[in-house]
Protein backbone atom coordinates (compact mmCIF):
# COMPACT_ATOMS: atom_id res chain seq x y z
CA MET A 1 23.67 13.67 -12.36
CA SER A 2 20.64 11.39 -11.42
CA LEU A 3 17.27 12.25 -12.61
CA ALA A 4 16.20 13.32 -9.02
CA GLU A 5 19.09 15.78 -8.51
CA PRO A 6 18.03 19.42 -8.45
CA ARG A 7 19.55 21.73 -11.01
CA SER A 8 20.85 25.13 -10.19
CA GLY A 9 19.08 28.30 -11.30
CA ALA A 10 15.45 29.25 -11.64
CA GLY A 11 13.01 26.50 -12.01
CA ALA A 12 15.25 23.97 -10.48
CA ALA A 13 12.65 22.24 -8.42
CA THR A 14 10.20 22.08 -11.39
CA ALA A 15 12.94 20.66 -13.63
CA ALA A 16 13.98 18.07 -10.98
CA TRP A 17 10.46 16.66 -10.71
CA HIS A 18 9.32 16.92 -14.34
CA ALA A 19 12.02 14.71 -15.96
CA PRO A 20 11.04 11.61 -13.87
CA ARG A 21 7.36 12.31 -14.27
CA THR A 22 7.69 12.64 -17.96
CA MET A 23 9.84 9.45 -18.29
CA ALA A 24 7.27 7.63 -16.23
CA VAL A 25 4.33 8.69 -18.41
CA LEU A 26 6.29 7.86 -21.61
CA LEU A 27 7.23 4.34 -20.29
CA THR A 28 3.70 3.66 -19.23
CA LEU A 29 2.21 4.74 -22.58
CA GLY A 30 4.78 2.71 -24.47
CA LEU A 31 4.28 -0.46 -22.48
CA THR A 32 0.48 -0.01 -22.74
CA VAL A 33 0.63 0.32 -26.53
CA ALA A 34 2.78 -2.81 -26.68
CA VAL A 35 0.15 -4.91 -24.70
CA VAL A 36 -2.81 -3.41 -26.76
CA SER A 37 -1.10 -3.93 -30.04
CA ALA A 38 -0.09 -7.55 -29.23
CA PHE A 39 -3.74 -8.25 -28.36
CA ALA A 40 -5.16 -6.50 -31.37
CA THR A 41 -2.83 -8.22 -33.86
CA SER A 42 -3.53 -11.66 -32.40
CA VAL A 43 -7.36 -11.45 -32.66
CA THR A 44 -8.45 -13.62 -35.52
CA THR A 45 -12.11 -12.54 -35.64
CA TRP A 46 -13.40 -9.30 -34.26
CA THR A 47 -16.40 -10.59 -32.52
CA SER A 48 -18.56 -8.43 -30.27
CA SER A 49 -16.81 -9.87 -27.19
CA ALA A 50 -13.46 -8.99 -28.77
CA ARG A 51 -14.49 -5.36 -29.22
CA ILE A 52 -15.57 -5.35 -25.58
CA ALA A 53 -12.28 -6.87 -24.45
CA LEU A 54 -10.11 -4.40 -26.18
CA PRO A 55 -10.80 -1.40 -23.87
CA LEU A 56 -10.56 -3.86 -20.87
CA VAL A 57 -7.23 -4.92 -22.06
CA ALA A 58 -6.24 -1.26 -22.35
CA VAL A 59 -7.31 -0.61 -18.73
CA THR A 60 -5.37 -3.53 -17.27
CA ALA A 61 -2.38 -2.62 -19.47
CA VAL A 62 -2.20 0.88 -17.95
CA TRP A 63 -2.17 -0.67 -14.53
CA ILE A 64 0.62 -3.12 -14.95
CA SER A 65 2.51 -0.73 -17.34
CA GLY A 66 2.44 1.95 -14.55
CA GLY A 67 3.97 -0.44 -12.10
CA ALA A 68 6.65 -1.58 -14.48
CA ALA A 69 7.47 2.01 -15.44
CA THR A 70 7.85 3.03 -11.81
CA ALA A 71 10.14 0.22 -11.17
CA LEU A 72 12.30 1.01 -14.21
CA LEU A 73 12.55 4.63 -13.12
CA GLY A 74 13.62 3.52 -9.72
CA LEU A 75 16.31 1.34 -11.17
CA LEU A 76 17.64 4.31 -13.04
CA LEU A 77 17.86 6.54 -10.02
CA ARG A 78 20.64 6.43 -7.52
CA PRO A 79 19.44 6.03 -3.85
CA ALA A 80 19.33 9.39 -2.08
CA GLN A 81 22.27 9.96 0.28
CA ARG A 82 20.46 11.23 3.34
CA ALA A 83 22.97 12.89 5.75
CA ASP A 84 22.79 11.56 9.26
CA VAL A 85 21.73 13.97 12.02
CA ALA A 86 24.82 15.37 13.85
CA ALA A 87 25.16 14.33 17.51
CA HIS A 88 24.90 17.96 18.66
CA TRP A 89 21.78 18.72 16.70
CA ARG A 90 18.54 19.56 18.61
CA PRO A 91 15.23 20.32 17.04
CA SER A 92 13.79 23.81 17.28
CA THR A 93 10.24 22.43 16.95
CA ARG A 94 8.10 20.27 19.10
CA THR A 95 6.79 16.86 17.82
CA ALA A 96 4.11 14.66 19.21
CA ILE A 97 4.36 10.88 18.56
CA LEU A 98 0.74 9.69 18.20
CA VAL A 99 0.01 5.95 18.61
CA THR A 100 -3.62 4.97 17.75
CA LEU A 101 -5.08 1.82 19.26
CA CYS A 102 -8.48 0.12 18.80
CA LYS A 103 -8.68 -3.35 20.46
CA GLU A 104 -5.18 -4.41 19.38
CA ASP A 105 -2.84 -6.20 21.67
CA PRO A 106 -1.25 -3.37 23.63
CA ARG A 107 1.73 -5.32 25.02
CA PRO A 108 4.01 -5.21 21.90
CA ILE A 109 3.43 -1.44 21.38
CA ALA A 110 4.00 -0.91 25.19
CA ARG A 111 7.40 -2.75 24.88
CA HIS A 112 8.34 -0.63 21.85
CA LEU A 113 7.48 2.70 23.49
CA GLN A 114 9.21 1.77 26.66
CA ALA A 115 12.37 1.30 24.54
CA LEU A 116 11.68 4.27 22.30
CA HIS A 117 11.51 6.75 25.07
CA PRO A 118 15.19 6.59 26.25
CA ALA A 119 16.21 6.28 22.52
CA LEU A 120 14.60 9.55 21.81
CA HIS A 121 16.74 11.21 24.56
CA ARG A 122 19.86 9.55 23.17
CA ALA A 123 19.05 11.04 19.74
CA GLY A 124 18.63 14.53 21.20
CA LEU A 125 14.84 14.53 20.90
CA GLY A 126 13.97 14.11 24.64
CA GLU A 127 12.92 17.78 25.05
CA GLY A 128 11.26 18.12 21.66
CA CYS A 129 9.19 14.93 21.53
CA GLN A 130 6.25 13.60 23.61
CA ILE A 131 4.49 10.19 23.13
CA PHE A 132 0.77 10.08 23.19
CA VAL A 133 -1.38 6.83 23.03
CA LEU A 134 -4.82 7.59 21.63
CA SER A 135 -7.19 4.77 22.24
CA ASP A 136 -10.63 3.99 20.70
CA THR A 137 -10.78 0.62 22.51
CA THR A 138 -14.19 -0.59 23.85
CA GLY A 139 -15.12 -3.71 25.79
CA ALA A 140 -14.24 -4.31 29.47
CA ASP A 141 -11.66 -7.01 28.75
CA HIS A 142 -9.90 -5.10 26.02
CA ILE A 143 -9.89 -1.98 28.22
CA ALA A 144 -8.48 -3.76 31.18
CA ARG A 145 -5.69 -5.39 29.13
CA GLU A 146 -4.76 -2.07 27.56
CA GLU A 147 -4.68 -0.26 30.92
CA ALA A 148 -2.59 -3.00 32.46
CA ALA A 149 0.04 -2.53 29.77
CA LEU A 150 0.07 1.29 29.43
CA LEU A 151 -0.88 2.90 32.74
CA PRO A 152 2.51 1.84 34.28
CA LEU A 153 4.28 3.62 31.50
CA ARG A 154 2.04 6.70 31.94
CA ASP A 155 2.70 6.80 35.62
CA ALA A 156 6.39 6.56 34.97
CA GLY A 157 6.23 9.66 32.78
CA LEU A 158 7.10 7.91 29.61
CA LEU A 159 3.90 8.64 27.74
CA SER A 160 0.39 10.18 27.91
CA TYR A 161 -2.56 7.82 27.61
CA ARG A 162 -6.09 8.85 26.64
CA ARG A 163 -9.09 6.67 25.79
CA ARG A 164 -12.11 8.17 24.22
CA ALA A 165 -15.51 7.42 25.55
CA ARG A 166 -17.12 8.02 22.13
CA ASN A 167 -15.30 6.87 18.95
CA THR A 168 -16.49 9.69 16.77
CA GLY A 169 -14.93 9.65 13.30
CA ARG A 170 -12.86 6.56 13.94
CA LYS A 171 -9.06 7.02 13.56
CA PRO A 172 -9.26 10.44 11.78
CA GLY A 173 -11.62 11.65 14.50
CA ASN A 174 -9.29 10.34 17.18
CA ILE A 175 -6.33 12.26 15.75
CA GLY A 176 -8.59 15.28 15.17
CA ALA A 177 -9.73 15.25 18.83
CA TRP A 178 -6.01 15.35 19.86
CA VAL A 179 -5.31 18.26 17.52
CA ASP A 180 -8.27 20.18 19.14
CA THR A 181 -6.90 19.74 22.70
CA HIS A 182 -3.13 19.59 22.21
CA GLY A 183 -2.30 20.58 18.66
CA ALA A 184 -1.52 24.21 19.56
CA HIS A 185 1.46 23.09 21.68
CA PHE A 186 3.15 21.12 18.90
CA ASP A 187 4.54 21.76 15.42
CA HIS A 188 4.50 18.21 14.02
CA MET A 189 2.84 14.90 14.85
CA LEU A 190 4.20 11.51 13.91
CA VAL A 191 1.33 9.09 13.34
CA LEU A 192 1.82 5.42 14.16
CA ASP A 193 -0.47 2.45 14.22
CA ALA A 194 -0.40 -0.23 16.85
CA ASP A 195 1.83 -2.43 14.69
CA SER A 196 4.15 0.46 13.55
CA ARG A 197 7.73 0.76 14.57
CA MET A 198 10.07 3.76 14.06
CA ALA A 199 13.60 4.21 15.28
CA ALA A 200 14.60 7.41 17.09
CA ARG A 201 17.32 8.26 14.60
CA ARG A 202 14.84 7.95 11.63
CA ILE A 203 12.36 10.20 13.59
CA ALA A 204 15.20 12.73 14.02
CA CYS A 205 16.02 12.72 10.36
CA MET A 206 12.31 13.34 9.46
CA ILE A 207 12.02 16.21 11.89
CA ARG A 208 15.09 17.76 10.46
CA GLN A 209 13.70 17.43 6.93
CA MET A 210 10.45 19.02 8.05
CA GLN A 211 12.33 21.99 9.63
CA GLN A 212 14.34 22.57 6.46
CA ARG A 213 11.26 22.79 4.25
CA PRO A 214 8.68 25.19 5.76
CA MET A 215 6.06 24.21 3.22
CA LEU A 216 6.45 20.49 3.59
CA GLY A 217 3.06 19.43 5.12
CA LEU A 218 3.45 15.60 5.10
CA LEU A 219 6.51 13.37 5.03
CA GLN A 220 5.86 9.79 4.48
CA ALA A 221 8.56 7.36 5.38
CA GLY A 222 9.07 4.05 3.49
CA ILE A 223 7.92 1.12 5.38
CA ALA A 224 9.65 -2.34 5.71
CA LEU A 225 7.87 -5.38 7.00
CA ARG A 226 8.74 -7.01 10.32
CA SER A 227 9.61 -10.62 10.52
CA GLY A 228 6.85 -13.05 9.63
CA ARG A 229 5.54 -15.73 11.88
CA THR A 230 4.06 -17.72 9.05
CA HIS A 231 5.16 -18.67 5.53
CA PHE A 232 2.72 -16.11 4.13
CA GLY A 233 4.14 -13.47 6.45
CA ARG A 234 7.65 -14.29 5.45
CA HIS A 235 6.69 -14.22 1.74
CA GLN A 236 5.27 -10.73 2.20
CA ARG A 237 8.55 -9.55 4.05
CA VAL A 238 10.78 -11.03 1.28
CA ALA A 239 8.73 -9.52 -1.51
CA ALA A 240 8.81 -6.12 0.28
CA ARG A 241 12.55 -6.31 0.83
CA LEU A 242 13.21 -7.17 -2.87
CA LEU A 243 10.71 -4.82 -4.47
CA SER A 244 10.20 -1.80 -2.32
CA GLY A 245 13.61 -0.14 -2.68
CA GLY A 246 13.57 0.66 -6.37
CA PHE A 247 9.89 0.91 -6.68
CA GLY A 248 9.80 3.50 -3.76
CA ARG A 249 12.58 5.65 -5.47
CA GLY A 250 10.52 5.57 -8.72
CA PHE A 251 7.29 6.43 -6.96
CA ALA A 252 8.92 9.30 -5.08
CA ALA A 253 10.49 10.64 -8.15
CA TRP A 254 7.37 10.93 -10.29
CA SER A 255 5.09 12.02 -7.46
CA GLY A 256 7.31 14.68 -6.31
CA ASP A 257 5.70 17.21 -3.94
CA SER A 258 2.30 15.58 -4.63
CA GLY A 259 3.03 12.26 -2.89
CA ASN A 260 0.68 10.09 -0.96
CA PHE A 261 -0.01 9.06 2.60
CA TRP A 262 -0.29 5.51 3.76
CA GLY A 263 -1.96 6.23 7.15
CA HIS A 264 1.05 5.76 9.46
CA ASN A 265 4.82 6.11 9.79
CA ALA A 266 4.38 9.65 8.57
CA LEU A 267 5.42 13.09 10.00
CA ILE A 268 2.62 15.64 9.55
CA ARG A 269 2.90 19.35 10.20
CA VAL A 270 -0.04 20.17 12.48
CA ALA A 271 -0.87 23.34 10.52
CA ALA A 272 -1.17 21.36 7.37
CA PHE A 273 -3.41 18.80 9.11
CA ARG A 274 -5.64 21.57 10.35
CA ALA A 275 -6.08 22.84 6.85
CA ALA A 276 -7.22 19.48 5.53
CA ARG A 277 -8.72 17.65 8.52
CA THR A 278 -12.45 18.00 7.64
CA LEU A 279 -13.06 15.18 5.23
CA PRO A 280 -16.35 14.98 3.52
CA ASP A 281 -19.06 12.44 4.41
CA LEU A 282 -20.17 10.96 1.14
CA PRO A 283 -23.85 11.24 0.34
CA GLY A 284 -25.95 8.07 0.75
CA ASP A 285 -25.38 4.84 2.73
CA ALA A 286 -22.33 2.61 2.93
CA PRO A 287 -20.55 1.16 1.09
CA TRP A 288 -20.50 3.93 -1.44
CA GLY A 289 -21.54 6.58 0.93
CA GLY A 290 -20.92 7.59 4.53
CA ALA A 291 -17.53 8.03 6.15
CA ILE A 292 -14.53 7.52 3.92
CA LEU A 293 -12.72 4.31 4.88
CA SER A 294 -9.38 4.78 3.13
CA HIS A 295 -9.01 8.27 4.53
CA ASP A 296 -5.27 8.49 4.19
CA PHE A 297 -5.15 9.02 0.34
CA VAL A 298 -7.85 11.71 0.78
CA GLU A 299 -6.02 13.50 3.59
CA ALA A 300 -2.95 13.60 1.39
CA ALA A 301 -4.91 15.07 -1.49
CA TRP A 302 -6.47 17.67 0.79
CA ILE A 303 -3.23 18.68 2.29
CA ARG A 304 -1.77 19.13 -1.17
CA ARG A 305 -4.83 21.11 -2.29
CA ALA A 306 -4.22 23.47 0.64
CA GLY A 307 -0.78 24.33 -0.74
CA TRP A 308 1.45 22.08 1.27
CA ALA A 309 3.96 19.57 -0.08
CA VAL A 310 3.39 15.82 0.49
CA VAL A 311 6.64 13.87 -0.04
CA LEU A 312 7.73 10.27 0.19
CA ASP A 313 11.09 9.49 1.71
CA PRO A 314 11.32 5.97 0.26
CA ALA A 315 14.12 4.61 2.53
CA THR A 316 12.86 1.95 4.88
CA ASP A 317 15.61 1.99 7.53
CA GLY A 318 14.15 2.54 10.90
CA SER A 319 10.54 2.32 9.74
CA ALA A 320 8.52 -0.88 9.76
CA GLU A 321 5.04 -2.38 10.33
CA GLN A 322 3.62 -5.90 10.77
CA ALA A 323 1.86 -7.43 7.90
CA PRO A 324 -1.15 -9.80 8.22
CA GLN A 325 0.11 -13.30 8.92
CA THR A 326 -2.65 -15.32 7.22
CA ILE A 327 -4.36 -15.09 3.94
CA ALA A 328 -7.73 -14.67 5.75
CA ALA A 329 -6.33 -11.88 7.81
CA PHE A 330 -4.93 -10.25 4.67
CA HIS A 331 -8.27 -10.53 2.97
CA ALA A 332 -10.15 -9.08 5.90
CA ARG A 333 -8.00 -5.90 5.78
CA ASP A 334 -8.04 -5.85 1.96
CA ARG A 335 -11.84 -6.03 1.89
CA ARG A 336 -12.00 -2.68 3.85
CA TRP A 337 -9.36 -1.26 1.59
CA CYS A 338 -11.42 -2.28 -1.51
CA GLN A 339 -14.46 -0.47 -0.23
CA GLY A 340 -12.45 2.59 0.81
CA ASN A 341 -10.66 2.83 -2.56
CA LEU A 342 -13.82 2.38 -4.59
CA GLN A 343 -15.33 5.24 -2.64
CA HIS A 344 -12.60 7.44 -4.21
CA LEU A 345 -14.47 7.25 -7.52
CA ARG A 346 -16.76 9.88 -6.00
CA LEU A 347 -13.86 12.16 -5.19
CA LEU A 348 -11.92 12.09 -8.53
CA ALA A 349 -13.63 15.25 -9.62
CA ALA A 350 -13.39 17.11 -6.37
CA PRO A 351 -12.55 20.83 -7.15
CA GLY A 352 -8.98 22.12 -6.66
CA LEU A 353 -7.15 18.84 -6.40
CA ASP A 354 -3.59 18.56 -7.77
CA PRO A 355 -3.63 16.41 -10.95
CA VAL A 356 -1.08 13.94 -9.39
CA SER A 357 -3.41 13.68 -6.35
CA ARG A 358 -6.18 12.62 -8.76
CA VAL A 359 -3.79 10.03 -10.13
CA HIS A 360 -3.20 8.53 -6.69
CA LEU A 361 -6.99 8.30 -6.10
CA ALA A 362 -7.50 6.75 -9.55
CA MET A 363 -4.67 4.31 -8.94
CA GLY A 364 -6.36 3.21 -5.71
CA VAL A 365 -9.60 2.49 -7.60
CA LEU A 366 -7.79 0.76 -10.43
CA SER A 367 -5.89 -1.42 -8.03
CA TYR A 368 -9.19 -3.35 -7.30
CA LEU A 369 -11.01 -2.97 -10.49
CA VAL A 370 -8.29 -4.88 -12.36
CA ALA A 371 -9.11 -8.06 -10.49
CA PRO A 372 -12.53 -8.56 -12.00
CA ILE A 373 -11.42 -7.23 -15.28
CA TRP A 374 -8.52 -9.75 -15.49
CA LEU A 375 -10.93 -12.54 -14.60
CA ILE A 376 -13.45 -11.43 -17.25
CA LEU A 377 -10.64 -11.29 -19.89
CA VAL A 378 -9.32 -14.75 -19.07
CA LEU A 379 -12.77 -16.27 -19.21
CA LEU A 380 -13.52 -14.62 -22.56
CA VAL A 381 -10.37 -15.93 -24.11
CA ALA A 382 -10.35 -19.32 -22.44
CA PHE A 383 -14.00 -20.07 -23.57
CA GLY A 384 -13.32 -18.88 -27.21
CA SER A 385 -15.41 -15.74 -27.11
CA VAL A 386 -12.29 -13.81 -28.04
CA PRO A 387 -10.47 -15.98 -30.68
CA LEU A 388 -6.67 -15.38 -30.47
CA SER A 389 -3.85 -16.89 -32.48
CA GLY A 390 -0.50 -17.54 -30.76
CA VAL A 391 0.64 -16.53 -27.39
CA LEU A 392 2.06 -13.07 -28.14
CA PRO A 393 -0.37 -11.23 -25.82
CA LEU A 394 0.34 -13.62 -22.95
CA ALA A 395 4.21 -13.22 -23.52
CA VAL A 396 4.00 -9.45 -23.53
CA VAL A 397 1.88 -9.37 -20.45
CA ALA A 398 4.23 -11.80 -18.69
CA MET A 399 7.23 -9.73 -19.63
CA ILE A 400 5.67 -6.55 -18.14
CA LEU A 401 4.61 -8.34 -14.96
CA LEU A 402 8.17 -9.64 -14.62
CA LEU A 403 9.84 -6.24 -15.21
CA PRO A 404 9.45 -4.94 -11.61
CA LYS A 405 10.94 -8.23 -10.19
CA LEU A 406 13.83 -8.10 -12.72
CA CYS A 407 14.39 -4.45 -11.74
CA ALA A 408 14.49 -5.45 -8.14
CA LEU A 409 17.00 -8.20 -8.75
CA LEU A 410 19.25 -5.91 -10.74
CA ASP A 411 18.96 -3.10 -8.20
CA ARG A 412 20.17 -5.42 -5.34
CA TRP A 413 22.62 -7.35 -7.36
CA HIS A 414 25.42 -4.71 -7.28
CA GLY A 415 25.07 -4.50 -3.42
CA ALA A 416 25.41 -8.29 -3.05
CA ARG A 417 29.13 -8.33 -3.75
CA THR A 418 30.02 -11.94 -2.91
CA PRO A 419 28.89 -15.08 -4.74
CA ARG A 420 27.22 -16.37 -1.56
CA ARG A 421 25.10 -13.23 -1.21
CA ARG A 422 24.21 -13.32 -4.89
CA ALA A 423 23.17 -16.95 -4.60
CA VAL A 424 20.85 -16.06 -1.64
CA LEU A 425 19.48 -13.12 -3.54
CA LEU A 426 18.75 -15.24 -6.54
CA ARG A 427 17.09 -17.98 -4.55
CA ALA A 428 14.97 -15.45 -2.71
CA SER A 429 13.86 -13.85 -5.98
CA ILE A 430 12.99 -17.18 -7.59
CA GLY A 431 11.10 -18.23 -4.51
CA GLU A 432 9.12 -15.01 -4.40
CA LEU A 433 8.24 -15.33 -7.99
CA ALA A 434 7.07 -18.84 -7.51
CA VAL A 435 4.94 -18.19 -4.45
CA SER A 436 3.42 -14.97 -6.00
CA SER A 437 2.47 -16.91 -9.12
CA VAL A 438 0.65 -19.47 -7.03
CA ILE A 439 -1.23 -17.20 -4.73
CA ALA A 440 -2.01 -14.50 -7.42
CA PRO A 441 -5.16 -16.34 -8.71
CA LEU A 442 -6.42 -16.72 -5.18
CA MET A 443 -5.87 -13.05 -4.39
CA MET A 444 -7.50 -12.06 -7.76
CA LEU A 445 -10.59 -14.15 -7.15
CA ARG A 446 -11.02 -12.75 -3.66
CA GLN A 447 -10.52 -9.18 -4.73
CA ALA A 448 -12.99 -9.69 -7.56
CA GLY A 449 -15.45 -10.97 -4.97
CA SER A 450 -14.76 -7.82 -2.88
CA VAL A 451 -15.51 -5.61 -5.76
CA VAL A 452 -18.78 -7.42 -6.53
CA ALA A 453 -19.81 -7.31 -2.91
CA VAL A 454 -19.36 -3.53 -2.88
CA CYS A 455 -21.32 -3.10 -6.14
CA LEU A 456 -24.06 -5.20 -4.46
CA GLY A 457 -24.20 -2.76 -1.59
CA ARG A 458 -22.60 -4.82 1.10
CA ASP A 459 -20.88 -2.75 3.77
CA CYS A 460 -17.81 -4.45 5.33
CA GLY A 461 -17.68 -2.04 8.34
CA TRP A 462 -14.57 -0.36 9.83
CA LYS A 463 -13.11 -3.63 11.37
CA SER A 464 -13.29 -5.91 8.40
CA GLY A 465 -13.89 -9.56 8.92
CA ASN A 466 -15.49 -9.11 12.36
CA ARG A 467 -19.01 -9.25 11.17
CA LYS A 468 -21.07 -12.33 12.01
CA GLY A 469 -22.42 -14.22 9.10
CA GLY A 470 -23.97 -17.50 8.17
CA ALA A 471 -22.25 -20.79 7.65
CA ARG A 472 -19.01 -20.54 5.59
CA LEU A 473 -16.95 -23.05 3.61
CA ARG A 474 -13.68 -24.14 5.10
CA PRO A 475 -10.81 -21.95 3.98
CA GLY A 476 -9.97 -22.34 0.27
CA HIS A 477 -12.87 -24.67 -0.46
CA GLY A 478 -14.82 -22.07 -2.36
CA GLU A 479 -11.85 -21.18 -4.45
CA ALA A 480 -11.22 -24.80 -5.09
CA ALA A 481 -14.75 -25.36 -6.25
CA ALA A 482 -14.41 -22.35 -8.64
CA GLY A 483 -11.17 -23.70 -9.94
CA TRP A 484 -12.44 -27.15 -10.74
CA GLY A 485 -15.53 -25.73 -12.20
CA LEU A 486 -13.50 -23.66 -14.54
CA VAL A 487 -11.26 -26.55 -15.54
CA LEU A 488 -14.19 -28.94 -16.25
CA SER A 489 -16.13 -26.24 -18.13
CA ALA A 490 -13.22 -25.25 -20.24
CA ALA A 491 -12.32 -28.86 -21.06
CA VAL A 492 -15.90 -29.37 -22.37
CA MET A 493 -16.42 -26.07 -24.12
CA ALA A 494 -13.22 -24.43 -24.94
CA GLY A 495 -10.81 -27.02 -26.35
CA PRO A 496 -7.26 -25.77 -26.99
CA ALA A 497 -8.08 -22.29 -25.80
CA ALA A 498 -8.36 -23.60 -22.27
CA ILE A 499 -4.61 -23.30 -22.03
CA TRP A 500 -5.23 -19.62 -21.24
CA LEU A 501 -7.12 -20.67 -18.20
CA ALA A 502 -4.50 -23.05 -16.76
CA PRO A 503 -2.32 -20.40 -14.85
CA VAL A 504 -5.46 -19.11 -13.04
CA ALA A 505 -7.63 -22.32 -12.57
CA LEU A 506 -4.87 -24.84 -11.47
CA PRO A 507 -3.67 -22.84 -8.42
CA LEU A 508 -7.37 -22.40 -7.43
CA CYS A 509 -7.98 -26.12 -7.61
CA PHE A 510 -5.46 -26.60 -4.85
CA ALA A 511 -6.46 -23.49 -2.80
CA PRO A 512 -7.01 -25.41 0.52
CA LEU A 513 -3.55 -26.94 0.30
CA VAL A 514 -2.03 -23.60 -0.64
CA MET A 515 -3.64 -21.78 2.18
CA ARG A 516 -2.70 -24.41 4.75
CA LEU A 517 0.95 -24.22 3.58
CA MET A 518 1.06 -20.46 3.52
CA ASP A 519 -0.61 -20.08 6.94
CA ALA A 520 1.56 -22.63 8.60
CA PRO A 521 4.20 -21.29 11.14
CA ALA A 522 7.54 -20.48 9.54
């Protein structure tokens, strides 16, 4: 029996979820202890900097160990066998498919919805589903383009189209306004972004799951990435295909009924959303106060607090989105996510939250704090402030960072039954590891800069990267200047300890070339 299988008798659901959760905690603690111990035993002199570094090492160790533990857990679990929906099955509930738009190109989503409408009828959902496009678009040119793409579909009866005159509350407010006017006529709502795609058969499976579990408030589908147009987009897609399967199973296992929400590709019970739709406005001004930018994590926590289950179905078939195609576009989105996740610090102690919901919020915070912490640790060691002997800490950290990638390779190895497929899988895994290693310092430096910007009180706004600013360096030149500055400083001041800086500084030195190559059409 797999760890995720329910047992018969009383307490079956509790036992089914507690075994994976306990294993994940023990694995995380064990790997964290290994990192901290390797660091502590390698310190030759306990300077004040070394004492400061020890808790920082522990924090980063928890983060990387949690990811490795989740991947290991997913490797041990068998993929769930989800029964397909019978051809004669028809839902007994009504579902609204909500597509939110705000100045995105409407033509791709219009093509998708035009194809989705007849697919819903073929899947037996024609009478039980209705498509709504909810727009917050402003600007005459954007509105004209949107109406040209969507009004013909509305007139043909394929969907309903509504554009708000006032964008109160941004995306959550847009969905909340729909709930106020139409929510009473529907049991569920499937939330999609402009770049989201979902197949009719996957939607049918999710509706059936929701009907079978009356207390299931939110069902989040796993999400694949659509084909990339650039080398960076293709890299993200390959990484997601390799890593998301096992990692998603592990995440779903330990989170159980206290899962998370990623903002789209999720089926939400309207009654559950009503119970949790009023999110707090944080006291003070942005970036720490005001409206919550990363609202999806908070909505999941509030739905769980209201007594509803929040569950991840980790399979990615029939569920996809488009990733940013350039490093600059990725960073623009990531800057908003950074500010939104750091806001969650103010919600960790909110009353009544499920402990696992607090873990999700804390993980979101930690996912950005680790970047400046990593940078501080590398600099402390490289410049000799933390004297270390040997490379044991580096080796242990590298092993834990590689564990999720190794688990992904093993997870997919059995499915690749021919030598040719295994060769392709091995080549893809090695390529993903190489590219990730090159761009990781660039991402770390940019994320550290985002954290510093938030701490300095700089608000990025809702649409990150659209703000006008002063003159900027050409892409990658700032990172290159930082990389060469670190190399020269370390060569003068640090001596042999500078070897610790090489994996970070050298990719930064060539950041302009790296960015040009990654952003080039694939």
